[in-house]
Amino acid sequence: MITTPKTKPLTPGRILLQNISWETYERLLNEMGDHRNTRLNYDRGLLEIMTPLLEHEQPNRLLARVVQAIAEQLNVEILSAGSTTLNRLDLEKGSEPDSSFYIKNERLIRGKRTIDLKTDPPPDLVIEVDVTSSSIDREGIYAAMGVPEIWRCDRGEVKFLQLRSGNYVETEHSLAFPVLPVTEVAKFLEQSQTLGETTLLKAFRAWVKEQIQSENS
């Protein structure tokens, strides 16, 4: 029996399709290709198609630059996986993060052209903006895949979430970068409303250097 997909209107830039098979989801991924401005999230028959807006992309890009800046200052190798498609047939779940990074497992992924979660680890850190406006439980998808950490930004509020016993728990410091408190990242995003990115990142790098010096003194 063929079930007709149902469409549910969402907030601007999002649409939710119901009763979508895994085969249809994979076919859409293949047909749409990698060079697109939409992101697809799938959870056991539900398919969300999102077109990021400026108010969504700006904090995403800023948070990604925070990761790159602190990794550089701490001399930590990272691999920026961006919105790489993460999916697993056995879970019937798939997602395309706003940003993602390999940090602890960077060396395992370095040089690879594709990621296969049947054999490869998931990203060590995922950034998601406005997760709560989604009709799909993205945190549940990442928990099932074993993603250790999420930086979630919802309407300007930043939270660090760490995976513990299958669920995400809010924490004060980053798992990937223990020197970094969530309060510092929240301040960074707040200042982005009045300061340019170049000025902000210079100040952030200076702050990281101060933390390193204080730990070594």
N, C-alpha and C. Protein backbone atom coordinates (compact mmCIF):
# COMPACT_ATOMS: atom_id res chain seq x y z
N MET A 1 0.84 -1.20 0.00
CA MET A 1 0.00 0.00 0.00
C MET A 1 0.87 1.24 0.00
N ILE A 2 0.57 2.20 -0.85
CA ILE A 2 1.32 3.44 -0.94
C ILE A 2 0.63 4.50 -0.10
N THR A 3 1.39 5.09 0.82
CA THR A 3 0.86 6.14 1.68
C THR A 3 1.24 7.50 1.12
N THR A 4 0.26 8.35 0.94
CA THR A 4 0.53 9.69 0.41
C THR A 4 1.20 10.55 1.47
N PRO A 5 2.37 11.13 1.18
CA PRO A 5 3.03 11.98 2.15
C PRO A 5 2.16 13.17 2.53
N LYS A 6 2.19 13.54 3.79
CA LYS A 6 1.46 14.71 4.28
C LYS A 6 2.44 15.84 4.53
N THR A 7 2.00 17.03 4.20
CA THR A 7 2.84 18.20 4.38
C THR A 7 2.30 19.05 5.52
N LYS A 8 3.19 19.46 6.40
CA LYS A 8 2.79 20.30 7.52
C LYS A 8 3.58 21.60 7.47
N PRO A 9 2.90 22.77 7.36
CA PRO A 9 3.63 24.03 7.31
C PRO A 9 4.28 24.34 8.65
N LEU A 10 5.50 24.87 8.60
CA LEU A 10 6.23 25.20 9.81
C LEU A 10 6.57 26.67 9.81
N THR A 11 7.53 27.04 10.62
CA THR A 11 8.02 28.39 10.64
C THR A 11 8.69 28.71 9.31
N PRO A 12 8.89 30.00 8.99
CA PRO A 12 9.52 30.36 7.71
C PRO A 12 10.84 29.63 7.50
N GLY A 13 11.01 29.09 6.29
CA GLY A 13 12.24 28.38 5.96
C GLY A 13 12.21 26.91 6.27
N ARG A 14 11.08 26.39 6.79
CA ARG A 14 11.00 24.98 7.15
C ARG A 14 9.72 24.36 6.59
N ILE A 15 9.81 23.10 6.22
CA ILE A 15 8.63 22.34 5.84
C ILE A 15 8.81 20.91 6.34
N LEU A 16 7.73 20.32 6.82
CA LEU A 16 7.79 18.96 7.36
C LEU A 16 6.94 18.03 6.51
N LEU A 17 7.54 16.93 6.05
CA LEU A 17 6.84 15.91 5.28
C LEU A 17 6.71 14.66 6.13
N GLN A 18 5.53 14.05 6.12
CA GLN A 18 5.27 12.85 6.90
C GLN A 18 5.14 11.64 5.98
N ASN A 19 5.33 10.48 6.57
CA ASN A 19 5.20 9.20 5.84
C ASN A 19 6.19 9.10 4.67
N ILE A 20 7.41 9.53 4.92
CA ILE A 20 8.46 9.45 3.91
C ILE A 20 9.34 8.23 4.20
N SER A 21 9.50 7.39 3.21
CA SER A 21 10.31 6.18 3.41
C SER A 21 11.80 6.53 3.41
N TRP A 22 12.60 5.63 3.97
CA TRP A 22 14.05 5.81 3.95
C TRP A 22 14.58 5.88 2.52
N GLU A 23 14.01 5.07 1.65
CA GLU A 23 14.44 5.06 0.25
C GLU A 23 14.18 6.41 -0.41
N THR A 24 13.03 7.02 -0.11
CA THR A 24 12.72 8.34 -0.66
C THR A 24 13.67 9.39 -0.11
N TYR A 25 13.94 9.30 1.17
CA TYR A 25 14.89 10.23 1.81
C TYR A 25 16.26 10.14 1.14
N GLU A 26 16.77 8.92 0.94
CA GLU A 26 18.07 8.75 0.29
C GLU A 26 18.05 9.24 -1.16
N ARG A 27 16.93 9.00 -1.84
CA ARG A 27 16.84 9.46 -3.23
C ARG A 27 16.87 10.99 -3.30
N LEU A 28 16.20 11.64 -2.37
CA LEU A 28 16.22 13.10 -2.33
C LEU A 28 17.63 13.61 -2.07
N LEU A 29 18.34 12.97 -1.16
CA LEU A 29 19.72 13.38 -0.89
C LEU A 29 20.57 13.27 -2.16
N ASN A 30 20.42 12.18 -2.87
CA ASN A 30 21.22 11.97 -4.08
C ASN A 30 20.83 12.94 -5.19
N GLU A 31 19.53 13.16 -5.35
CA GLU A 31 19.07 14.03 -6.43
C GLU A 31 19.39 15.50 -6.16
N MET A 32 19.32 15.91 -4.91
CA MET A 32 19.59 17.31 -4.56
C MET A 32 21.08 17.60 -4.54
N GLY A 33 21.88 16.57 -4.29
CA GLY A 33 23.33 16.74 -4.32
C GLY A 33 23.89 17.50 -3.13
N ASP A 34 25.19 17.74 -3.18
CA ASP A 34 25.87 18.40 -2.07
C ASP A 34 25.83 19.92 -2.16
N HIS A 35 25.72 20.45 -3.38
CA HIS A 35 25.79 21.90 -3.56
C HIS A 35 24.38 22.49 -3.53
N ARG A 36 23.87 22.66 -2.34
CA ARG A 36 22.53 23.21 -2.15
C ARG A 36 22.50 24.01 -0.86
N ASN A 37 21.47 24.85 -0.73
CA ASN A 37 21.36 25.66 0.47
C ASN A 37 20.27 25.16 1.41
N THR A 38 19.80 23.94 1.18
CA THR A 38 18.81 23.34 2.06
C THR A 38 19.45 22.24 2.90
N ARG A 39 18.84 21.95 4.06
CA ARG A 39 19.31 20.87 4.93
C ARG A 39 18.16 19.93 5.21
N LEU A 40 18.46 18.65 5.20
CA LEU A 40 17.43 17.62 5.39
C LEU A 40 17.68 16.89 6.70
N ASN A 41 16.61 16.74 7.49
CA ASN A 41 16.67 15.97 8.72
C ASN A 41 15.56 14.92 8.68
N TYR A 42 15.91 13.69 9.04
CA TYR A 42 14.99 12.57 8.90
C TYR A 42 14.92 11.76 10.19
N ASP A 43 13.70 11.41 10.58
CA ASP A 43 13.52 10.60 11.79
C ASP A 43 12.32 9.69 11.62
N ARG A 44 12.59 8.45 11.21
CA ARG A 44 11.58 7.40 11.14
C ARG A 44 10.29 7.85 10.44
N GLY A 45 10.43 8.33 9.22
CA GLY A 45 9.27 8.70 8.43
C GLY A 45 9.00 10.18 8.34
N LEU A 46 9.55 10.96 9.26
CA LEU A 46 9.40 12.42 9.22
C LEU A 46 10.61 13.02 8.51
N LEU A 47 10.36 13.90 7.56
CA LEU A 47 11.43 14.57 6.83
C LEU A 47 11.23 16.07 6.93
N GLU A 48 12.22 16.74 7.49
CA GLU A 48 12.20 18.19 7.58
C GLU A 48 13.18 18.77 6.58
N ILE A 49 12.71 19.71 5.78
CA ILE A 49 13.56 20.40 4.82
C ILE A 49 13.66 21.86 5.27
N MET A 50 14.88 22.31 5.48
CA MET A 50 15.09 23.64 6.03
C MET A 50 15.97 24.46 5.10
N THR A 51 15.57 25.71 4.88
CA THR A 51 16.39 26.68 4.17
C THR A 51 16.86 27.71 5.18
N PRO A 52 18.15 27.72 5.55
CA PRO A 52 18.64 28.63 6.59
C PRO A 52 18.45 30.10 6.21
N LEU A 53 17.99 30.89 7.17
CA LEU A 53 17.85 32.33 7.00
C LEU A 53 19.04 33.03 7.63
N LEU A 54 19.18 34.33 7.37
CA LEU A 54 20.32 35.08 7.90
C LEU A 54 20.36 35.03 9.42
N GLU A 55 19.20 35.17 10.08
CA GLU A 55 19.17 35.17 11.54
C GLU A 55 19.59 33.81 12.10
N HIS A 56 19.54 32.79 11.26
CA HIS A 56 19.98 31.45 11.64
C HIS A 56 21.46 31.25 11.34
N GLU A 57 21.89 31.69 10.17
CA GLU A 57 23.26 31.44 9.73
C GLU A 57 24.29 32.28 10.47
N GLN A 58 23.95 33.50 10.85
CA GLN A 58 24.93 34.36 11.49
C GLN A 58 25.47 33.77 12.79
N PRO A 59 24.60 33.38 13.75
CA PRO A 59 25.15 32.75 14.97
C PRO A 59 25.84 31.43 14.68
N ASN A 60 25.37 30.68 13.70
CA ASN A 60 26.03 29.43 13.34
C ASN A 60 27.46 29.69 12.90
N ARG A 61 27.65 30.65 12.00
CA ARG A 61 28.99 30.96 11.51
C ARG A 61 29.88 31.49 12.62
N LEU A 62 29.31 32.31 13.50
CA LEU A 62 30.09 32.86 14.60
C LEU A 62 30.57 31.77 15.56
N LEU A 63 29.66 30.85 15.90
CA LEU A 63 30.02 29.76 16.80
C LEU A 63 31.07 28.86 16.16
N ALA A 64 30.95 28.62 14.86
CA ALA A 64 31.95 27.81 14.16
C ALA A 64 33.32 28.50 14.21
N ARG A 65 33.34 29.81 14.09
CA ARG A 65 34.60 30.54 14.14
C ARG A 65 35.18 30.54 15.56
N VAL A 66 34.32 30.48 16.56
CA VAL A 66 34.79 30.34 17.95
C VAL A 66 35.54 29.01 18.10
N VAL A 67 34.95 27.93 17.56
CA VAL A 67 35.61 26.62 17.63
C VAL A 67 36.97 26.67 16.94
N GLN A 68 37.01 27.25 15.76
CA GLN A 68 38.27 27.31 15.02
C GLN A 68 39.31 28.17 15.75
N ALA A 69 38.85 29.28 16.36
CA ALA A 69 39.78 30.18 17.05
C ALA A 69 40.36 29.53 18.30
N ILE A 70 39.53 28.88 19.10
CA ILE A 70 40.05 28.29 20.34
C ILE A 70 40.92 27.08 20.02
N ALA A 71 40.57 26.32 18.99
CA ALA A 71 41.41 25.19 18.59
C ALA A 71 42.79 25.68 18.16
N GLU A 72 42.81 26.78 17.43
CA GLU A 72 44.09 27.35 16.99
C GLU A 72 44.93 27.80 18.17
N GLN A 73 44.31 28.49 19.12
CA GLN A 73 45.05 28.99 20.27
C GLN A 73 45.54 27.87 21.18
N LEU A 74 44.76 26.80 21.27
CA LEU A 74 45.15 25.66 22.11
C LEU A 74 46.01 24.64 21.36
N ASN A 75 46.23 24.91 20.07
CA ASN A 75 47.03 24.02 19.23
C ASN A 75 46.40 22.62 19.16
N VAL A 76 45.08 22.61 18.98
CA VAL A 76 44.33 21.36 18.88
C VAL A 76 43.91 21.17 17.42
N GLU A 77 44.24 20.03 16.85
CA GLU A 77 43.83 19.75 15.48
C GLU A 77 42.33 19.46 15.41
N ILE A 78 41.65 20.06 14.44
CA ILE A 78 40.23 19.80 14.23
C ILE A 78 39.99 19.54 12.75
N LEU A 79 38.86 18.92 12.46
CA LEU A 79 38.42 18.77 11.09
C LEU A 79 37.01 19.33 11.02
N SER A 80 36.83 20.38 10.22
CA SER A 80 35.52 21.01 10.07
C SER A 80 34.69 20.21 9.07
N ALA A 81 33.63 19.57 9.58
CA ALA A 81 32.79 18.74 8.72
C ALA A 81 31.54 19.47 8.24
N GLY A 82 31.36 20.72 8.69
CA GLY A 82 30.25 21.54 8.21
C GLY A 82 28.90 20.87 8.39
N SER A 83 28.10 20.88 7.32
CA SER A 83 26.76 20.29 7.34
C SER A 83 26.74 18.91 6.69
N THR A 84 27.85 18.20 6.83
CA THR A 84 27.93 16.85 6.27
C THR A 84 26.75 15.98 6.70
N THR A 85 26.17 15.27 5.75
CA THR A 85 25.03 14.40 6.07
C THR A 85 25.45 13.26 6.98
N LEU A 86 24.76 13.13 8.09
CA LEU A 86 24.99 12.04 9.05
C LEU A 86 23.73 11.20 9.09
N ASN A 87 23.82 9.95 8.67
CA ASN A 87 22.63 9.11 8.73
C ASN A 87 22.99 7.65 8.94
N ARG A 88 22.02 6.93 9.51
CA ARG A 88 22.18 5.50 9.76
C ARG A 88 20.89 4.78 9.47
N LEU A 89 20.95 3.84 8.54
CA LEU A 89 19.76 3.08 8.16
C LEU A 89 19.22 2.28 9.33
N ASP A 90 20.10 1.70 10.15
CA ASP A 90 19.64 0.87 11.25
C ASP A 90 18.84 1.67 12.28
N LEU A 91 19.08 2.98 12.35
CA LEU A 91 18.35 3.84 13.27
C LEU A 91 17.18 4.54 12.58
N GLU A 92 17.18 4.53 11.25
CA GLU A 92 16.22 5.31 10.46
C GLU A 92 16.25 6.78 10.87
N LYS A 93 17.47 7.29 11.00
CA LYS A 93 17.66 8.68 11.41
C LYS A 93 18.76 9.32 10.56
N GLY A 94 18.58 10.59 10.26
CA GLY A 94 19.60 11.31 9.51
C GLY A 94 19.50 12.79 9.80
N SER A 95 20.63 13.47 9.75
CA SER A 95 20.62 14.90 10.01
C SER A 95 21.77 15.57 9.27
N GLU A 96 21.61 16.85 9.04
CA GLU A 96 22.66 17.68 8.48
C GLU A 96 22.86 18.85 9.43
N PRO A 97 23.86 18.78 10.30
CA PRO A 97 24.05 19.81 11.34
C PRO A 97 24.29 21.18 10.73
N ASP A 98 24.06 22.21 11.53
CA ASP A 98 24.43 23.55 11.09
C ASP A 98 25.94 23.62 10.92
N SER A 99 26.67 23.06 11.88
CA SER A 99 28.12 22.90 11.78
C SER A 99 28.51 21.67 12.59
N SER A 100 29.62 21.04 12.21
CA SER A 100 30.09 19.89 12.98
C SER A 100 31.61 19.81 12.89
N PHE A 101 32.21 19.20 13.91
CA PHE A 101 33.67 19.15 13.98
C PHE A 101 34.12 17.81 14.54
N TYR A 102 35.19 17.30 13.97
CA TYR A 102 35.93 16.19 14.56
C TYR A 102 37.11 16.78 15.31
N ILE A 103 37.25 16.40 16.56
CA ILE A 103 38.31 16.96 17.41
C ILE A 103 39.11 15.80 18.01
N LYS A 104 38.55 15.11 18.96
CA LYS A 104 39.22 13.93 19.53
C LYS A 104 39.47 12.88 18.46
N ASN A 105 38.52 12.71 17.55
CA ASN A 105 38.62 11.69 16.50
C ASN A 105 39.08 12.26 15.16
N GLU A 106 39.68 13.43 15.19
CA GLU A 106 40.10 14.09 13.95
C GLU A 106 41.02 13.21 13.11
N ARG A 107 41.96 12.55 13.76
CA ARG A 107 42.93 11.75 13.02
C ARG A 107 42.27 10.55 12.32
N LEU A 108 41.16 10.05 12.88
CA LEU A 108 40.47 8.92 12.27
C LEU A 108 39.75 9.30 10.99
N ILE A 109 39.43 10.59 10.84
CA ILE A 109 38.65 11.06 9.70
C ILE A 109 39.53 11.79 8.68
N ARG A 110 40.68 12.24 9.11
CA ARG A 110 41.55 13.03 8.23
C ARG A 110 41.83 12.28 6.92
N GLY A 111 41.63 12.98 5.81
CA GLY A 111 41.90 12.41 4.50
C GLY A 111 40.75 11.67 3.86
N LYS A 112 39.65 11.43 4.63
CA LYS A 112 38.52 10.71 4.07
C LYS A 112 37.64 11.66 3.25
N ARG A 113 37.05 11.13 2.21
CA ARG A 113 36.18 11.93 1.34
C ARG A 113 34.72 11.81 1.75
N THR A 114 34.37 10.72 2.42
CA THR A 114 33.00 10.51 2.88
C THR A 114 33.03 9.94 4.30
N ILE A 115 31.91 10.10 4.99
CA ILE A 115 31.78 9.57 6.35
C ILE A 115 30.69 8.51 6.34
N ASP A 116 31.04 7.33 6.83
CA ASP A 116 30.10 6.22 6.95
C ASP A 116 29.97 5.87 8.42
N LEU A 117 28.84 6.21 9.02
CA LEU A 117 28.68 6.02 10.46
C LEU A 117 28.57 4.55 10.87
N LYS A 118 28.53 3.65 9.90
CA LYS A 118 28.59 2.23 10.26
C LYS A 118 29.99 1.87 10.75
N THR A 119 31.00 2.59 10.25
CA THR A 119 32.38 2.30 10.62
C THR A 119 33.12 3.51 11.20
N ASP A 120 32.67 4.71 10.87
CA ASP A 120 33.33 5.92 11.35
C ASP A 120 32.61 6.48 12.58
N PRO A 121 33.35 7.14 13.46
CA PRO A 121 32.70 7.77 14.61
C PRO A 121 31.91 9.00 14.17
N PRO A 122 30.91 9.42 14.96
CA PRO A 122 30.19 10.65 14.65
C PRO A 122 31.07 11.86 15.01
N PRO A 123 30.70 13.05 14.58
CA PRO A 123 31.48 14.24 14.98
C PRO A 123 31.55 14.37 16.50
N ASP A 124 32.64 14.96 16.97
CA ASP A 124 32.80 15.18 18.41
C ASP A 124 31.97 16.35 18.90
N LEU A 125 31.67 17.28 18.00
CA LEU A 125 30.92 18.48 18.38
C LEU A 125 30.00 18.88 17.24
N VAL A 126 28.75 19.15 17.58
CA VAL A 126 27.76 19.63 16.61
C VAL A 126 27.21 20.96 17.10
N ILE A 127 27.03 21.88 16.18
CA ILE A 127 26.39 23.17 16.48
C ILE A 127 25.01 23.17 15.85
N GLU A 128 24.00 23.50 16.65
CA GLU A 128 22.64 23.59 16.15
C GLU A 128 22.04 24.92 16.61
N VAL A 129 21.41 25.63 15.68
CA VAL A 129 20.78 26.91 15.97
C VAL A 129 19.27 26.76 15.86
N ASP A 130 18.54 27.28 16.87
CA ASP A 130 17.08 27.24 16.87
C ASP A 130 16.55 25.81 16.78
N VAL A 131 17.11 24.93 17.58
CA VAL A 131 16.67 23.53 17.56
C VAL A 131 15.22 23.40 17.97
N THR A 132 14.79 24.21 18.95
CA THR A 132 13.45 24.04 19.51
C THR A 132 12.34 24.41 18.54
N SER A 133 12.66 25.13 17.46
CA SER A 133 11.63 25.46 16.47
C SER A 133 11.45 24.34 15.46
N SER A 134 12.23 23.29 15.59
CA SER A 134 12.13 22.16 14.67
C SER A 134 11.06 21.19 15.15
N SER A 135 10.39 20.54 14.20
CA SER A 135 9.41 19.52 14.56
C SER A 135 10.04 18.14 14.68
N ILE A 136 11.33 18.05 14.42
CA ILE A 136 12.06 16.80 14.56
C ILE A 136 13.01 16.92 15.74
N ASP A 137 13.07 15.86 16.54
CA ASP A 137 13.93 15.84 17.72
C ASP A 137 15.38 15.61 17.28
N ARG A 138 16.07 16.69 16.95
CA ARG A 138 17.44 16.55 16.47
C ARG A 138 18.36 16.04 17.58
N GLU A 139 18.12 16.49 18.80
CA GLU A 139 18.95 15.99 19.90
C GLU A 139 18.81 14.48 20.02
N GLY A 140 17.60 13.97 19.82
CA GLY A 140 17.40 12.52 19.86
C GLY A 140 18.15 11.80 18.76
N ILE A 141 18.23 12.44 17.59
CA ILE A 141 18.99 11.86 16.48
C ILE A 141 20.46 11.79 16.84
N TYR A 142 21.01 12.90 17.36
CA TYR A 142 22.43 12.92 17.69
C TYR A 142 22.76 12.01 18.87
N ALA A 143 21.83 11.90 19.82
CA ALA A 143 22.06 10.99 20.95
C ALA A 143 22.13 9.55 20.46
N ALA A 144 21.22 9.17 19.55
CA ALA A 144 21.22 7.81 19.01
C ALA A 144 22.51 7.51 18.26
N MET A 145 23.07 8.54 17.61
CA MET A 145 24.32 8.36 16.85
C MET A 145 25.55 8.43 17.74
N GLY A 146 25.39 8.93 18.97
CA GLY A 146 26.51 8.98 19.90
C GLY A 146 27.35 10.24 19.80
N VAL A 147 26.78 11.35 19.32
CA VAL A 147 27.52 12.61 19.26
C VAL A 147 27.76 13.10 20.69
N PRO A 148 29.02 13.28 21.12
CA PRO A 148 29.31 13.59 22.52
C PRO A 148 28.85 14.96 22.99
N GLU A 149 28.82 15.95 22.08
CA GLU A 149 28.56 17.32 22.53
C GLU A 149 27.80 18.12 21.48
N ILE A 150 26.86 18.94 21.97
CA ILE A 150 26.12 19.88 21.12
C ILE A 150 26.25 21.27 21.72
N TRP A 151 26.52 22.25 20.86
CA TRP A 151 26.36 23.65 21.25
C TRP A 151 25.04 24.09 20.64
N ARG A 152 24.09 24.41 21.47
CA ARG A 152 22.76 24.77 20.98
C ARG A 152 22.52 26.26 21.21
N CYS A 153 22.06 26.92 20.17
CA CYS A 153 21.74 28.34 20.25
C CYS A 153 20.28 28.51 19.87
N ASP A 154 19.47 28.93 20.81
CA ASP A 154 18.04 29.08 20.57
C ASP A 154 17.64 30.52 20.88
N ARG A 155 17.39 31.29 19.82
CA ARG A 155 17.00 32.69 19.96
C ARG A 155 17.99 33.48 20.82
N GLY A 156 19.25 33.25 20.53
CA GLY A 156 20.32 33.99 21.21
C GLY A 156 20.82 33.37 22.49
N GLU A 157 20.12 32.38 23.03
CA GLU A 157 20.56 31.71 24.26
C GLU A 157 21.41 30.49 23.91
N VAL A 158 22.62 30.46 24.47
CA VAL A 158 23.56 29.38 24.16
C VAL A 158 23.59 28.37 25.30
N LYS A 159 23.61 27.09 24.94
CA LYS A 159 23.75 26.03 25.93
C LYS A 159 24.77 25.02 25.43
N PHE A 160 25.59 24.51 26.35
CA PHE A 160 26.49 23.41 26.08
C PHE A 160 25.82 22.14 26.59
N LEU A 161 25.69 21.14 25.73
CA LEU A 161 25.06 19.88 26.11
C LEU A 161 26.04 18.73 25.91
N GLN A 162 26.16 17.87 26.92
CA GLN A 162 27.03 16.70 26.83
C GLN A 162 26.20 15.43 26.95
N LEU A 163 26.56 14.43 26.16
CA LEU A 163 25.84 13.16 26.16
C LEU A 163 26.27 12.31 27.35
N ARG A 164 25.30 12.00 28.19
CA ARG A 164 25.56 11.16 29.36
C ARG A 164 24.45 10.13 29.50
N SER A 165 24.84 8.87 29.46
CA SER A 165 23.88 7.76 29.59
C SER A 165 22.73 7.88 28.60
N GLY A 166 23.05 8.29 27.37
CA GLY A 166 22.05 8.34 26.32
C GLY A 166 21.22 9.59 26.23
N ASN A 167 21.47 10.55 27.14
CA ASN A 167 20.71 11.80 27.13
C ASN A 167 21.67 12.99 27.25
N TYR A 168 21.22 14.14 26.75
CA TYR A 168 22.06 15.33 26.82
C TYR A 168 21.78 16.10 28.11
N VAL A 169 22.88 16.49 28.76
CA VAL A 169 22.82 17.22 30.01
C VAL A 169 23.51 18.56 29.82
N GLU A 170 22.88 19.62 30.31
CA GLU A 170 23.45 20.95 30.18
C GLU A 170 24.66 21.09 31.11
N THR A 171 25.75 21.66 30.60
CA THR A 171 26.97 21.81 31.37
C THR A 171 27.50 23.24 31.27
N GLU A 172 28.36 23.60 32.19
CA GLU A 172 28.91 24.96 32.23
C GLU A 172 30.12 25.11 31.33
N HIS A 173 30.84 24.02 31.07
CA HIS A 173 32.05 24.07 30.25
C HIS A 173 31.95 23.09 29.08
N SER A 174 32.66 23.40 28.02
CA SER A 174 32.67 22.55 26.84
C SER A 174 33.41 21.25 27.12
N LEU A 175 32.93 20.16 26.57
CA LEU A 175 33.60 18.88 26.69
C LEU A 175 34.87 18.86 25.84
N ALA A 176 34.77 19.39 24.63
CA ALA A 176 35.92 19.39 23.72
C ALA A 176 37.00 20.37 24.15
N PHE A 177 36.56 21.50 24.74
CA PHE A 177 37.49 22.54 25.18
C PHE A 177 37.16 22.93 26.61
N PRO A 178 37.63 22.15 27.60
CA PRO A 178 37.24 22.36 28.99
C PRO A 178 37.54 23.76 29.54
N VAL A 179 38.48 24.46 28.92
CA VAL A 179 38.81 25.81 29.38
C VAL A 179 37.70 26.80 29.05
N LEU A 180 36.80 26.43 28.18
CA LEU A 180 35.79 27.37 27.66
C LEU A 180 34.45 27.23 28.39
N PRO A 181 34.03 28.27 29.13
CA PRO A 181 32.71 28.25 29.77
C PRO A 181 31.64 28.77 28.82
N VAL A 182 30.43 28.29 29.00
CA VAL A 182 29.33 28.72 28.14
C VAL A 182 29.06 30.21 28.30
N THR A 183 29.36 30.76 29.48
CA THR A 183 29.11 32.19 29.71
C THR A 183 29.95 33.06 28.79
N GLU A 184 31.17 32.61 28.47
CA GLU A 184 32.04 33.38 27.59
C GLU A 184 31.50 33.37 26.15
N VAL A 185 30.97 32.24 25.73
CA VAL A 185 30.41 32.15 24.38
C VAL A 185 29.12 32.97 24.29
N ALA A 186 28.32 32.94 25.36
CA ALA A 186 27.10 33.75 25.38
C ALA A 186 27.43 35.24 25.28
N LYS A 187 28.48 35.66 25.98
CA LYS A 187 28.91 37.06 25.92
C LYS A 187 29.40 37.41 24.52
N PHE A 188 30.10 36.49 23.89
CA PHE A 188 30.60 36.68 22.54
C PHE A 188 29.45 36.93 21.57
N LEU A 189 28.41 36.10 21.65
CA LEU A 189 27.26 36.26 20.75
C LEU A 189 26.50 37.56 21.03
N GLU A 190 26.40 37.91 22.29
CA GLU A 190 25.71 39.15 22.64
C GLU A 190 26.45 40.36 22.08
N GLN A 191 27.77 40.34 22.16
CA GLN A 191 28.57 41.45 21.66
C GLN A 191 28.53 41.54 20.14
N SER A 192 28.18 40.45 19.47
CA SER A 192 28.13 40.46 18.01
C SER A 192 27.02 41.37 17.48
N GLN A 193 26.11 41.78 18.37
CA GLN A 193 25.05 42.69 17.96
C GLN A 193 25.56 44.11 17.77
N THR A 194 26.71 44.42 18.39
CA THR A 194 27.22 45.79 18.32
C THR A 194 28.65 45.87 17.80
N LEU A 195 29.37 44.75 17.76
CA LEU A 195 30.76 44.75 17.31
C LEU A 195 30.93 43.90 16.05
N GLY A 196 31.92 44.23 15.25
CA GLY A 196 32.22 43.45 14.06
C GLY A 196 32.90 42.14 14.40
N GLU A 197 32.83 41.18 13.50
CA GLU A 197 33.37 39.85 13.75
C GLU A 197 34.89 39.88 13.94
N THR A 198 35.59 40.70 13.17
CA THR A 198 37.05 40.75 13.29
C THR A 198 37.46 41.22 14.67
N THR A 199 36.80 42.27 15.15
CA THR A 199 37.08 42.79 16.50
C THR A 199 36.75 41.75 17.56
N LEU A 200 35.62 41.09 17.39
CA LEU A 200 35.20 40.08 18.36
C LEU A 200 36.20 38.93 18.44
N LEU A 201 36.63 38.43 17.31
CA LEU A 201 37.52 37.28 17.29
C LEU A 201 38.89 37.63 17.85
N LYS A 202 39.35 38.85 17.60
CA LYS A 202 40.62 39.29 18.21
C LYS A 202 40.51 39.28 19.72
N ALA A 203 39.40 39.80 20.23
CA ALA A 203 39.18 39.83 21.68
C ALA A 203 39.06 38.42 22.23
N PHE A 204 38.41 37.53 21.49
CA PHE A 204 38.25 36.16 21.98
C PHE A 204 39.59 35.44 22.03
N ARG A 205 40.41 35.61 21.00
CA ARG A 205 41.73 34.97 21.00
C ARG A 205 42.57 35.49 22.17
N ALA A 206 42.46 36.79 22.44
CA ALA A 206 43.19 37.36 23.58
C ALA A 206 42.72 36.75 24.89
N TRP A 207 41.41 36.52 25.00
CA TRP A 207 40.86 35.91 26.22
C TRP A 207 41.41 34.49 26.38
N VAL A 208 41.45 33.72 25.29
CA VAL A 208 41.97 32.35 25.38
C VAL A 208 43.43 32.36 25.80
N LYS A 209 44.23 33.27 25.25
CA LYS A 209 45.64 33.37 25.64
C LYS A 209 45.78 33.65 27.13
N GLU A 210 44.91 34.50 27.65
CA GLU A 210 44.94 34.81 29.09
C GLU A 210 44.66 33.56 29.92
N GLN A 211 43.70 32.75 29.46
CA GLN A 211 43.38 31.51 30.20
C GLN A 211 44.53 30.54 30.18
N ILE A 212 45.22 30.45 29.04
CA ILE A 212 46.37 29.55 28.93
C ILE A 212 47.50 30.03 29.86
N GLN A 213 47.74 31.32 29.85
CA GLN A 213 48.82 31.88 30.69
C GLN A 213 48.51 31.69 32.16
N SER A 214 47.25 31.88 32.55
CA SER A 214 46.88 31.74 33.97
C SER A 214 47.00 30.29 34.42
N GLU A 215 46.71 29.34 33.51
CA GLU A 215 46.84 27.92 33.86
C GLU A 215 48.30 27.51 33.99
N ASN A 216 49.18 28.16 33.20
CA ASN A 216 50.59 27.79 33.21
C ASN A 216 51.40 28.55 34.26
N SER A 217 50.78 29.54 34.89
CA SER A 217 51.52 30.35 35.88
C SER A 217 51.50 29.70 37.26
